[in-house]
C-alpha atoms as a PDB file:
ATOM      1  CA  ALA A   1      63.361  22.042 -34.061  1.00  0.00           C
ATOM      2  CA  GLN A   2      62.459  20.778 -30.612  1.00  0.00           C
ATOM      3  CA  PHE A   3      63.082  21.822 -27.004  1.00  0.00           C
ATOM      4  CA  THR A   4      62.501  19.224 -24.281  1.00  0.00           C
ATOM      5  CA  VAL A   5      62.690  19.858 -20.538  1.00  0.00           C
ATOM      6  CA  LEU A   6      62.579  16.985 -18.025  1.00  0.00           C
ATOM      7  CA  ILE A   7      61.233  17.773 -14.554  1.00  0.00           C
ATOM      8  CA  PRO A   8      63.002  15.945 -11.679  1.00  0.00           C
ATOM      9  CA  GLY A   9      61.015  13.132 -10.014  1.00  0.00           C
ATOM     10  CA  ALA A  10      59.039  13.577  -6.787  1.00  0.00           C
ATOM     11  CA  THR A  11      58.384  17.232  -7.616  1.00  0.00           C
ATOM     12  CA  PRO A  12      55.762  18.948  -5.427  1.00  0.00           C
ATOM     13  CA  SER A  13      52.642  20.254  -7.152  1.00  0.00           C
ATOM     14  CA  ASP A  14      53.170  23.573  -5.354  1.00  0.00           C
ATOM     15  CA  GLY A  15      56.494  25.355  -5.056  1.00  0.00           C
ATOM     16  CA  ALA A  16      58.754  23.598  -7.539  1.00  0.00           C
ATOM     17  CA  SER A  17      60.870  25.841  -9.773  1.00  0.00           C
ATOM     18  CA  ILE A  18      62.994  24.434 -12.594  1.00  0.00           C
ATOM     19  CA  THR A  19      64.960  26.403 -15.202  1.00  0.00           C
ATOM     20  CA  SER A  20      66.377  25.311 -18.544  1.00  0.00           C
ATOM     21  CA  THR A  21      68.250  27.297 -21.207  1.00  0.00           C
ATOM     22  CA  TYR A  22      67.377  26.994 -24.882  1.00  0.00           C
ATOM     23  CA  GLY A  23      70.494  26.459 -26.974  1.00  0.00           C
ATOM     24  CA  GLY A  24      69.087  26.064 -30.478  1.00  0.00           C
ATOM     25  CA  VAL A  25      68.545  28.516 -33.314  1.00  0.00           C
ATOM     26  CA  SER A  26      65.877  31.180 -32.832  1.00  0.00           C
ATOM     27  CA  THR A  27      62.520  29.504 -33.406  1.00  0.00           C
ATOM     28  CA  ILE A  28      58.818  30.124 -32.976  1.00  0.00           C
ATOM     29  CA  PHE A  29      57.382  26.834 -31.718  1.00  0.00           C
ATOM     30  CA  THR A  30      53.705  26.107 -32.313  1.00  0.00           C
ATOM     31  CA  THR A  31      53.002  23.225 -29.910  1.00  0.00           C
ATOM     32  CA  LEU A  32      53.573  22.823 -26.171  1.00  0.00           C
ATOM     33  CA  SER A  33      53.198  19.235 -24.965  1.00  0.00           C
ATOM     34  CA  PHE A  34      53.217  17.950 -21.384  1.00  0.00           C
ATOM     35  CA  SER A  35      53.253  14.494 -19.845  1.00  0.00           C
ATOM     36  CA  GLY A  36      53.476  13.501 -16.207  1.00  0.00           C
ATOM     37  CA  ASP A  37      52.074  11.460 -13.331  1.00  0.00           C
ATOM     38  CA  LEU A  38      50.343  13.219 -10.433  1.00  0.00           C
ATOM     39  CA  THR A  39      50.161  11.344  -7.110  1.00  0.00           C
ATOM     40  CA  GLU A  40      47.947  12.535  -4.263  1.00  0.00           C
ATOM     41  CA  VAL A  41      49.481  13.550  -0.946  1.00  0.00           C
ATOM     42  CA  ASN A  42      46.285  14.852   0.652  1.00  0.00           C
ATOM     43  CA  THR A  43      43.240  12.590   0.252  1.00  0.00           C
ATOM     44  CA  ALA A  44      40.479  13.848  -2.050  1.00  0.00           C
ATOM     45  CA  THR A  45      42.490  16.606  -3.677  1.00  0.00           C
ATOM     46  CA  TRP A  46      41.733  17.750  -7.241  1.00  0.00           C
ATOM     47  CA  ALA A  47      43.948  17.054 -10.245  1.00  0.00           C
ATOM     48  CA  GLY A  48      42.796  20.248 -11.970  1.00  0.00           C
ATOM     49  CA  GLU A  49      44.320  22.306  -9.163  1.00  0.00           C
ATOM     50  CA  ALA A  50      47.870  21.231 -10.067  1.00  0.00           C
ATOM     51  CA  ASN A  51      49.106  23.737 -12.637  1.00  0.00           C
ATOM     52  CA  TRP A  52      52.294  25.217 -14.073  1.00  0.00           C
ATOM     53  CA  ASP A  53      53.515  28.705 -14.912  1.00  0.00           C
ATOM     54  CA  ILE A  54      55.946  28.690 -17.851  1.00  0.00           C
ATOM     55  CA  THR A  55      57.992  31.877 -18.191  1.00  0.00           C
ATOM     56  CA  ASN A  56      60.582  32.892 -20.745  1.00  0.00           C
ATOM     57  CA  ASN A  57      62.802  34.936 -18.431  1.00  0.00           C
ATOM     58  CA  SER A  58      64.250  36.878 -21.356  1.00  0.00           C
ATOM     59  CA  PHE A  59      60.808  38.444 -21.757  1.00  0.00           C
ATOM     60  CA  GLY A  60      59.586  38.187 -18.165  1.00  0.00           C
ATOM     61  CA  SER A  61      56.266  36.753 -19.326  1.00  0.00           C
ATOM     62  CA  GLY A  62      54.769  33.447 -20.396  1.00  0.00           C
ATOM     63  CA  VAL A  63      51.734  31.216 -19.987  1.00  0.00           C
ATOM     64  CA  SER A  64      49.865  29.254 -17.319  1.00  0.00           C
ATOM     65  CA  PHE A  65      49.292  25.604 -18.112  1.00  0.00           C
ATOM     66  CA  ASP A  66      46.602  23.317 -16.656  1.00  0.00           C
ATOM     67  CA  PRO A  67      47.446  19.726 -17.676  1.00  0.00           C
ATOM     68  CA  PHE A  68      44.057  18.281 -16.679  1.00  0.00           C
ATOM     69  CA  GLY A  69      41.699  21.072 -17.679  1.00  0.00           C
ATOM     70  CA  SER A  70      39.085  20.310 -15.014  1.00  0.00           C
ATOM     71  CA  ASP A  71      38.834  19.874 -11.249  1.00  0.00           C
ATOM     72  CA  GLN A  72      38.627  16.082 -11.360  1.00  0.00           C
ATOM     73  CA  ASP A  73      38.802  14.243  -8.049  1.00  0.00           C
ATOM     74  CA  PHE A  74      41.283  11.385  -7.938  1.00  0.00           C
ATOM     75  CA  THR A  75      42.928   8.881  -5.639  1.00  0.00           C
ATOM     76  CA  GLY A  76      46.360   7.349  -6.048  1.00  0.00           C
ATOM     77  CA  THR A  77      47.975   8.467  -9.291  1.00  0.00           C
ATOM     78  CA  VAL A  78      46.551  10.053 -12.438  1.00  0.00           C
ATOM     79  CA  SER A  79      48.493  10.628 -15.662  1.00  0.00           C
ATOM     80  CA  ALA A  80      48.405  13.601 -18.033  1.00  0.00           C
ATOM     81  CA  ASN A  81      49.436  13.641 -21.699  1.00  0.00           C
ATOM     82  CA  VAL A  82      48.200  16.814 -23.381  1.00  0.00           C
ATOM     83  CA  SER A  83      49.207  19.448 -25.936  1.00  0.00           C
ATOM     84  CA  ALA A  84      48.345  23.101 -26.462  1.00  0.00           C
ATOM     85  CA  SER A  85      48.622  25.147 -29.651  1.00  0.00           C
ATOM     86  CA  GLY A  86      50.069  28.629 -29.769  1.00  0.00           C
ATOM     87  CA  LEU A  87      53.198  30.595 -30.585  1.00  0.00           C
ATOM     88  CA  PHE A  88      56.212  30.242 -28.307  1.00  0.00           C
ATOM     89  CA  TRP A  89      59.338  32.258 -29.106  1.00  0.00           C
ATOM     90  CA  ALA A  90      62.705  30.708 -28.210  1.00  0.00           C
ATOM     91  CA  ASN A  91      65.866  32.669 -28.986  1.00  0.00           C
ATOM     92  CA  ASN A  92      69.294  31.184 -28.411  1.00  0.00           C
ATOM     93  CA  GLY A  93      70.245  31.628 -24.757  1.00  0.00           C
ATOM     94  CA  ASP A  94      66.702  32.234 -23.491  1.00  0.00           C
ATOM     95  CA  GLU A  95      66.108  30.826 -20.009  1.00  0.00           C
ATOM     96  CA  PHE A  96      62.737  29.132 -19.452  1.00  0.00           C
ATOM     97  CA  GLN A  97      61.356  28.740 -15.934  1.00  0.00           C
ATOM     98  CA  PHE A  98      58.760  26.121 -14.959  1.00  0.00           C
ATOM     99  CA  ASP A  99      56.930  26.792 -11.657  1.00  0.00           C
ATOM    100  CA  SER A 100      54.387  24.385 -10.207  1.00  0.00           C
ATOM    101  CA  PHE A 101      51.464  25.920  -8.333  1.00  0.00           C
ATOM    102  CA  GLU A 102      48.117  24.885  -6.902  1.00  0.00           C
ATOM    103  CA  SER A 103      45.055  26.951  -7.742  1.00  0.00           C
ATOM    104  CA  PHE A 104      43.610  25.919  -4.365  1.00  0.00           C
ATOM    105  CA  ASP A 105      45.376  24.487  -1.317  1.00  0.00           C
ATOM    106  CA  ASP A 106      43.435  21.577   0.202  1.00  0.00           C
ATOM    107  CA  GLY A 107      45.894  20.783   2.955  1.00  0.00           C
ATOM    108  CA  SER A 108      48.229  22.230   5.535  1.00  0.00           C
ATOM    109  CA  ASP A 109      50.267  25.332   4.787  1.00  0.00           C
ATOM    110  CA  GLY A 110      53.592  24.479   3.200  1.00  0.00           C
ATOM    111  CA  VAL A 111      52.535  20.931   2.279  1.00  0.00           C
ATOM    112  CA  ALA A 112      51.827  20.201  -1.371  1.00  0.00           C
ATOM    113  CA  ASP A 113      48.528  18.433  -2.099  1.00  0.00           C
ATOM    114  CA  ALA A 114      50.184  16.151  -4.672  1.00  0.00           C
ATOM    115  CA  GLN A 115      53.503  15.491  -6.385  1.00  0.00           C
ATOM    116  CA  TRP A 116      54.649  15.131  -9.987  1.00  0.00           C
ATOM    117  CA  ASP A 117      56.712  12.246 -11.337  1.00  0.00           C
ATOM    118  CA  ASN A 118      58.002  11.562 -14.859  1.00  0.00           C
ATOM    119  CA  ALA A 119      57.028  15.096 -15.878  1.00  0.00           C
ATOM    120  CA  GLN A 120      58.232  16.501 -19.196  1.00  0.00           C
ATOM    121  CA  PHE A 121      57.594  19.626 -21.282  1.00  0.00           C
ATOM    122  CA  GLU A 122      58.268  19.678 -25.017  1.00  0.00           C
ATOM    123  CA  PHE A 123      58.135  22.599 -27.466  1.00  0.00           C
ATOM    124  CA  SER A 124      57.863  21.550 -31.107  1.00  0.00           C
ATOM    125  CA  GLY A 125      56.587  22.584 -34.520  1.00  0.00           C
ATOM    126  CA  GLY A 126      57.337  25.717 -36.500  1.00  0.00           C
ATOM    127  CA  VAL A 127      55.328  28.677 -37.735  1.00  0.00           C
ATOM    128  CA  SER A 128      54.557  29.244 -41.411  1.00  0.00           C
ATOM    129  CA  ALA A 129      53.850  32.915 -42.124  1.00  0.00           C
ATOM    130  CA  ASN A 130      52.225  34.391 -45.227  1.00  0.00           C
ATOM    131  CA  ASP A 131      54.562  37.131 -46.489  1.00  0.00           C
ATOM    132  CA  LEU A 132      52.816  40.466 -47.102  1.00  0.00           C
ATOM    133  CA  GLY A 133      55.971  42.192 -48.388  1.00  0.00           C
ATOM    134  CA  ASN A 134      56.912  45.802 -47.636  1.00  0.00           C
ATOM    135  CA  ARG A 135      54.427  48.061 -45.841  1.00  0.00           C
ATOM    136  CA  SER A 136      54.384  51.704 -44.805  1.00  0.00           C
ATOM    137  CA  SER A 137      55.279  52.693 -41.257  1.00  0.00           C
ATOM    138  CA  ALA A 138      51.815  54.219 -40.738  1.00  0.00           C
ATOM    139  CA  LEU A 139      49.619  51.161 -40.776  1.00  0.00           C
ATOM    140  CA  THR A 140      45.962  50.453 -40.051  1.00  0.00           C
ATOM    141  CA  ILE A 141      45.179  46.757 -39.659  1.00  0.00           C
ATOM    142  CA  ASP A 142      41.585  45.553 -39.279  1.00  0.00           C
ATOM    143  CA  THR A 143      39.406  42.465 -39.599  1.00  0.00           C
ATOM    144  CA  ASN A 144      36.203  44.274 -40.598  1.00  0.00           C
ATOM    145  CA  GLY A 145      33.863  41.974 -42.505  1.00  0.00           C
ATOM    146  CA  SER A 146      34.959  38.789 -40.731  1.00  0.00           C
ATOM    147  CA  SER A 147      32.368  36.334 -39.458  1.00  0.00           C
ATOM    148  CA  ALA A 148      34.749  35.202 -36.694  1.00  0.00           C
ATOM    149  CA  ASP A 149      35.049  37.140 -33.427  1.00  0.00           C
ATOM    150  CA  THR A 150      38.685  38.126 -33.896  1.00  0.00           C
ATOM    151  CA  GLU A 151      41.667  39.284 -31.886  1.00  0.00           C
ATOM    152  CA  ILE A 152      44.874  40.548 -33.487  1.00  0.00           C
ATOM    153  CA  ALA A 153      48.435  41.315 -32.401  1.00  0.00           C
ATOM    154  CA  VAL A 154      51.648  42.576 -33.964  1.00  0.00           C
ATOM    155  CA  TYR A 155      55.042  41.228 -32.827  1.00  0.00           C
ATOM    156  CA  THR A 156      58.645  41.888 -33.703  1.00  0.00           C
ATOM    157  CA  LEU A 157      60.360  38.817 -35.132  1.00  0.00           C
ATOM    158  CA  ASP A 158      62.153  38.121 -31.851  1.00  0.00           C
ATOM    159  CA  GLY A 159      58.861  37.971 -29.920  1.00  0.00           C
ATOM    160  CA  THR A 160      58.276  41.453 -28.471  1.00  0.00           C
ATOM    161  CA  LEU A 161      54.571  42.321 -28.440  1.00  0.00           C
ATOM    162  CA  VAL A 162      54.054  45.670 -30.201  1.00  0.00           C
ATOM    163  CA  ASP A 163      50.286  46.003 -29.709  1.00  0.00           C
ATOM    164  CA  THR A 164      47.068  43.980 -29.591  1.00  0.00           C
ATOM    165  CA  ASN A 165      43.344  44.597 -29.997  1.00  0.00           C
ATOM    166  CA  ASP A 166      40.103  42.716 -29.441  1.00  0.00           C
ATOM    167  CA  ASP A 167      36.895  44.660 -30.157  1.00  0.00           C
ATOM    168  CA  ASN A 168      37.842  48.228 -31.081  1.00  0.00           C
ATOM    169  CA  GLY A 169      37.427  48.032 -34.839  1.00  0.00           C
ATOM    170  CA  GLY A 170      34.080  49.789 -35.037  1.00  0.00           C
ATOM    171  CA  GLY A 171      32.356  46.601 -36.123  1.00  0.00           C
ATOM    172  CA  GLY A 172      31.372  45.015 -32.835  1.00  0.00           C
ATOM    173  CA  LEU A 173      33.457  41.856 -32.662  1.00  0.00           C
ATOM    174  CA  TRP A 174      36.061  42.933 -35.215  1.00  0.00           C
ATOM    175  CA  SER A 175      39.554  44.184 -34.389  1.00  0.00           C
ATOM    176  CA  GLN A 176      41.662  47.138 -35.438  1.00  0.00           C
ATOM    177  CA  LEU A 177      45.166  48.497 -34.785  1.00  0.00           C
ATOM    178  CA  ASP A 178      46.442  51.930 -35.837  1.00  0.00           C
ATOM    179  CA  LEU A 179      50.233  51.794 -35.682  1.00  0.00           C
ATOM    180  CA  THR A 180      53.304  53.865 -36.456  1.00  0.00           C
ATOM    181  CA  LEU A 181      56.139  51.377 -36.772  1.00  0.00           C
ATOM    182  CA  ALA A 182      59.900  51.693 -36.860  1.00  0.00           C
ATOM    183  CA  ASP A 183      61.704  50.079 -39.771  1.00  0.00           C
ATOM    184  CA  GLY A 184      62.125  46.337 -39.324  1.00  0.00           C
ATOM    185  CA  SER A 185      60.344  43.015 -39.761  1.00  0.00           C
ATOM    186  CA  TYR A 186      57.098  42.113 -38.008  1.00  0.00           C
ATOM    187  CA  LEU A 187      54.536  39.359 -37.565  1.00  0.00           C
ATOM    188  CA  LEU A 188      50.776  39.952 -37.631  1.00  0.00           C
ATOM    189  CA  VAL A 189      48.897  37.301 -35.651  1.00  0.00           C
ATOM    190  CA  VAL A 190      45.138  36.816 -36.130  1.00  0.00           C
ATOM    191  CA  GLY A 191      43.196  34.588 -33.733  1.00  0.00           C
ATOM    192  CA  GLY A 192      39.701  34.004 -32.408  1.00  0.00           C
ATOM    193  CA  PHE A 193      38.090  35.421 -29.293  1.00  0.00           C
ATOM    194  CA  ASN A 194      39.822  34.574 -26.005  1.00  0.00           C
ATOM    195  CA  SER A 195      43.284  34.530 -27.555  1.00  0.00           C
ATOM    196  CA  GLY A 196      46.080  35.556 -25.216  1.00  0.00           C
ATOM    197  CA  PHE A 197      49.069  37.672 -26.243  1.00  0.00           C
ATOM    198  CA  ALA A 198      52.222  38.453 -24.248  1.00  0.00           C
ATOM    199  CA  ASP A 199      55.898  39.058 -24.965  1.00  0.00           C
ATOM    200  CA  GLY A 200      57.280  35.771 -26.238  1.00  0.00           C
ATOM    201  CA  ALA A 201      54.013  33.811 -26.243  1.00  0.00           C
ATOM    202  CA  ALA A 202      50.520  33.690 -27.735  1.00  0.00           C
ATOM    203  CA  ILE A 203      47.659  31.250 -27.078  1.00  0.00           C
ATOM    204  CA  ALA A 204      44.960  30.822 -29.741  1.00  0.00           C
ATOM    205  CA  GLY A 205      41.294  31.442 -28.942  1.00  0.00           C
ATOM    206  CA  THR A 206      38.190  29.474 -29.805  1.00  0.00           C
ATOM    207  CA  SER A 207      36.035  31.587 -32.131  1.00  0.00           C
ATOM    208  CA  THR A 208      35.666  30.197 -35.661  1.00  0.00           C
ATOM    209  CA  GLY A 209      34.593  31.602 -39.017  1.00  0.00           C
ATOM    210  CA  SER A 210      36.022  33.684 -41.805  1.00  0.00           C
ATOM    211  CA  ALA A 211      38.846  36.097 -41.001  1.00  0.00           C
ATOM    212  CA  VAL A 212      39.216  39.034 -43.378  1.00  0.00           C
ATOM    213  CA  VAL A 213      42.509  40.906 -42.949  1.00  0.00           C
ATOM    214  CA  THR A 214      42.845  44.450 -44.321  1.00  0.00           C
ATOM    215  CA  LEU A 215      45.927  46.696 -44.333  1.00  0.00           C
ATOM    216  CA  ASN A 216      45.401  50.395 -45.046  1.00  0.00           C
ATOM    217  CA  GLY A 217      42.100  49.671 -46.767  1.00  0.00           C
ATOM    218  CA  TYR A 218      43.289  46.791 -48.945  1.00  0.00           C
ATOM    219  CA  THR A 219      42.232  43.197 -48.222  1.00  0.00           C
ATOM    220  CA  VAL A 220      45.306  40.972 -48.044  1.00  0.00           C
ATOM    221  CA  ALA A 221      43.732  37.722 -46.805  1.00  0.00           C
ATOM    222  CA  ALA A 222      40.331  36.101 -46.358  1.00  0.00           C
ATOM    223  CA  SER A 223      40.221  32.520 -45.074  1.00  0.00           C
ATOM    224  CA  GLN A 224      38.658  30.286 -42.436  1.00  0.00           C
ATOM    225  CA  LEU A 225      39.870  30.508 -38.848  1.00  0.00           C
ATOM    226  CA  GLY A 226      39.542  27.337 -36.784  1.00  0.00           C
ATOM    227  CA  SER A 227      39.293  26.911 -33.033  1.00  0.00           C
ATOM    228  CA  GLY A 228      42.748  26.967 -31.453  1.00  0.00           C
ATOM    229  CA  GLU A 229      44.317  28.282 -34.651  1.00  0.00           C
ATOM    230  CA  PHE A 230      46.273  31.398 -35.585  1.00  0.00           C
ATOM    231  CA  GLN A 231      46.756  32.989 -38.971  1.00  0.00           C
ATOM    232  CA  VAL A 232      50.261  34.474 -39.109  1.00  0.00           C
ATOM    233  CA  PHE A 233      51.527  37.060 -41.596  1.00  0.00           C
ATOM    234  CA  SER A 234      54.984  38.606 -41.976  1.00  0.00           C
ATOM    235  CA  PHE A 235      55.745  42.056 -43.330  1.00  0.00           C
ATOM    236  CA  THR A 236      58.611  44.543 -43.438  1.00  0.00           C
ATOM    237  CA  VAL A 237      58.753  48.287 -42.905  1.00  0.00           C
ATOM    238  CA  PRO A 238      61.803  49.333 -44.972  1.00  0.00           C
ATOM    239  CA  ALA A 239      64.181  51.981 -43.678  1.00  0.00           C
ATOM    240  CA  PRO A 240      63.534  55.377 -45.330  1.00  0.00           C
ATOM    241  CA  GLY A 241      67.168  55.584 -46.433  1.00  0.00           C
ATOM    242  CA  SER A 242      66.994  52.285 -48.299  1.00  0.00           C
ATOM    243  CA  ALA A 243      63.827  53.387 -50.104  1.00  0.00           C
ATOM    244  CA  ALA A 244      65.525  56.639 -51.157  1.00  0.00           C
ATOM    245  CA  LEU A 245      68.589  54.789 -52.425  1.00  0.00           C
ATOM    246  CA  LEU A 246      66.409  52.503 -54.510  1.00  0.00           C
ATOM    247  CA  GLY A 247      64.803  55.565 -56.078  1.00  0.00           C
ATOM    248  CA  LEU A 248      68.171  57.138 -56.912  1.00  0.00           C
ATOM    249  CA  GLY A 249      69.373  53.867 -58.371  1.00  0.00           C
ATOM    250  CA  GLY A 250      66.366  53.760 -60.662  1.00  0.00           C
ATOM    251  CA  LEU A 251      67.002  57.326 -61.791  1.00  0.00           C
ATOM    252  CA  ALA A 252      70.647  56.586 -62.552  1.00  0.00           C
ATOM    253  CA  ALA A 253      69.654  53.568 -64.656  1.00  0.00           C
ATOM    254  CA  ILE A 254      67.284  55.704 -66.731  1.00  0.00           C
ATOM    255  CA  ARG A 255      70.062  58.204 -67.348  1.00  0.00           C
ATOM    256  CA  ARG A 256      72.406  55.458 -68.481  1.00  0.00           C
ATOM    257  CA  ARG A 257      69.840  54.174 -70.953  1.00  0.00           C
ATOM    258  CA  ARG A 258      69.669  57.648 -72.517  1.00  0.00           C
END
């Protein structure tokens, strides 16, 4: 799956707002790529001050994106071609909004310092989650024993952030969540320190090392976490009625065998 948005030419680096609606199947993209040419309007402006806010309006939240990553001085035109790793939910009919902004205004009020040409955003890639099966609604998730400085989050499948934690696991840099969940399907996302979590989006942090994942006292995963990487796990909290029906079905089968 792929979602590409072209930004109209001669777009100011401050004040442009472009929307595009995603029409594909519901997907969690894992890569956000950007390319574009930035041309100065005010002399001696900084390329790193020309940024974008990317919002999924269905959630009302998103990410800020700095194509150059540093406050480099430039004259004329400078080109960007960069990618960022994360999780980006896109459900059919979601409207994405792309807003250009300047982190500092070098020139006159109302006049952009630079302009974008040939700009394009592209969402691509897909998430691969390790299935943890059925879990109880009362759930304690922790990363105690990890060597990485972890952050964790739980999402619904459609991208709603349920809860997140950084350093409250009782182990210094480890993480812990104590949840009571409704029946349904969920994603557990494990990242390094400085990860960012919001409805519909997650950006991976930079801490590396082993990540030990424990659910209700039982270790379910222990593997290496790289910089800019997430470990993603899926699990289901079954409806109490379905669990009861399964039990009755088992009892009926035993009676038939007699």
